[in-house]
């Protein structure tokens, strides 16, 4: 087996093992953890998008 073929197969296996499942959506709490703030109760996604721009 050539080195290039091994490298392609290795990359393919890594991609398959580290996939995110389709349809997985982060919660507001997960996004807040990423940016380090807590979302206000009742805050809509539209208002938080406007604040970040």
C-alpha atoms as a PDB file:
ATOM      1  CA  UNK A   1       0.000   0.000   0.000  1.00  0.00           C
ATOM      2  CA  UNK A   2       1.424   3.366  -0.930  1.00  0.00           C
ATOM      3  CA  UNK A   3       2.063   6.113   1.587  1.00  0.00           C
ATOM      4  CA  UNK A   4      -0.433   8.419  -0.114  1.00  0.00           C
ATOM      5  CA  UNK A   5      -3.166   5.790   0.071  1.00  0.00           C
ATOM      6  CA  UNK A   6      -2.466   5.166   3.768  1.00  0.00           C
ATOM      7  CA  UNK A   7      -2.599   8.897   4.423  1.00  0.00           C
ATOM      8  CA  UNK A   8      -5.931   9.235   2.581  1.00  0.00           C
ATOM      9  CA  UNK A   9      -7.427   6.306   4.485  1.00  0.00           C
ATOM     10  CA  UNK A  10      -6.159   7.639   7.804  1.00  0.00           C
ATOM     11  CA  UNK A  11      -7.641  11.071   7.112  1.00  0.00           C
ATOM     12  CA  UNK A  12     -10.937   9.488   6.070  1.00  0.00           C
ATOM     13  CA  UNK A  13     -11.103   7.418   9.282  1.00  0.00           C
ATOM     14  CA  UNK A  14     -10.389  10.489  11.418  1.00  0.00           C
ATOM     15  CA  UNK A  15     -13.131  12.478   9.705  1.00  0.00           C
ATOM     16  CA  UNK A  16     -15.608   9.650  10.218  1.00  0.00           C
ATOM     17  CA  UNK A  17     -14.717   9.244  13.902  1.00  0.00           C
ATOM     18  CA  UNK A  18     -14.961  12.958  14.716  1.00  0.00           C
ATOM     19  CA  UNK A  19     -18.209  13.840  12.944  1.00  0.00           C
ATOM     20  CA  UNK A  20     -20.902  15.869  14.594  1.00  0.00           C
ATOM     21  CA  UNK A  21     -24.269  14.186  14.245  1.00  0.00           C
ATOM     22  CA  UNK A  22     -26.621  15.820  11.770  1.00  0.00           C
ATOM     23  CA  UNK A  23     -29.132  18.161  13.342  1.00  0.00           C
ATOM     24  CA  UNK A  24     -27.174  18.724  16.535  1.00  0.00           C
ATOM     25  CA  UNK A  25     -27.874  22.291  17.681  1.00  0.00           C
ATOM     26  CA  UNK A  26     -26.139  23.961  20.594  1.00  0.00           C
ATOM     27  CA  UNK A  27     -28.271  25.308  23.396  1.00  0.00           C
ATOM     28  CA  UNK A  28     -28.103  28.924  24.532  1.00  0.00           C
ATOM     29  CA  UNK A  29     -26.224  27.749  27.607  1.00  0.00           C
ATOM     30  CA  UNK A  30     -23.556  26.081  25.451  1.00  0.00           C
ATOM     31  CA  UNK A  31     -23.101  29.265  23.417  1.00  0.00           C
ATOM     32  CA  UNK A  32     -22.929  31.301  26.625  1.00  0.00           C
ATOM     33  CA  UNK A  33     -20.220  29.012  27.981  1.00  0.00           C
ATOM     34  CA  UNK A  34     -18.185  29.617  24.814  1.00  0.00           C
ATOM     35  CA  UNK A  35     -18.325  33.415  25.104  1.00  0.00           C
ATOM     36  CA  UNK A  36     -18.295  33.469  28.902  1.00  0.00           C
ATOM     37  CA  UNK A  37     -21.617  35.164  29.627  1.00  0.00           C
ATOM     38  CA  UNK A  38     -25.044  34.022  30.721  1.00  0.00           C
ATOM     39  CA  UNK A  39     -27.991  34.742  28.403  1.00  0.00           C
ATOM     40  CA  UNK A  40     -30.800  36.817  29.881  1.00  0.00           C
ATOM     41  CA  UNK A  41     -34.072  35.001  30.471  1.00  0.00           C
ATOM     42  CA  UNK A  42     -36.392  35.570  27.514  1.00  0.00           C
ATOM     43  CA  UNK A  43     -33.638  36.976  25.276  1.00  0.00           C
ATOM     44  CA  UNK A  44     -34.156  36.135  21.624  1.00  0.00           C
ATOM     45  CA  UNK A  45     -31.417  34.970  19.258  1.00  0.00           C
ATOM     46  CA  UNK A  46     -32.028  38.011  17.023  1.00  0.00           C
ATOM     47  CA  UNK A  47     -31.158  40.505  19.753  1.00  0.00           C
ATOM     48  CA  UNK A  48     -27.997  38.636  20.755  1.00  0.00           C
ATOM     49  CA  UNK A  49     -26.848  38.526  17.109  1.00  0.00           C
ATOM     50  CA  UNK A  50     -27.211  42.288  16.833  1.00  0.00           C
ATOM     51  CA  UNK A  51     -25.119  42.884  19.943  1.00  0.00           C
ATOM     52  CA  UNK A  52     -22.180  40.836  18.672  1.00  0.00           C
ATOM     53  CA  UNK A  53     -21.847  42.724  15.362  1.00  0.00           C
END
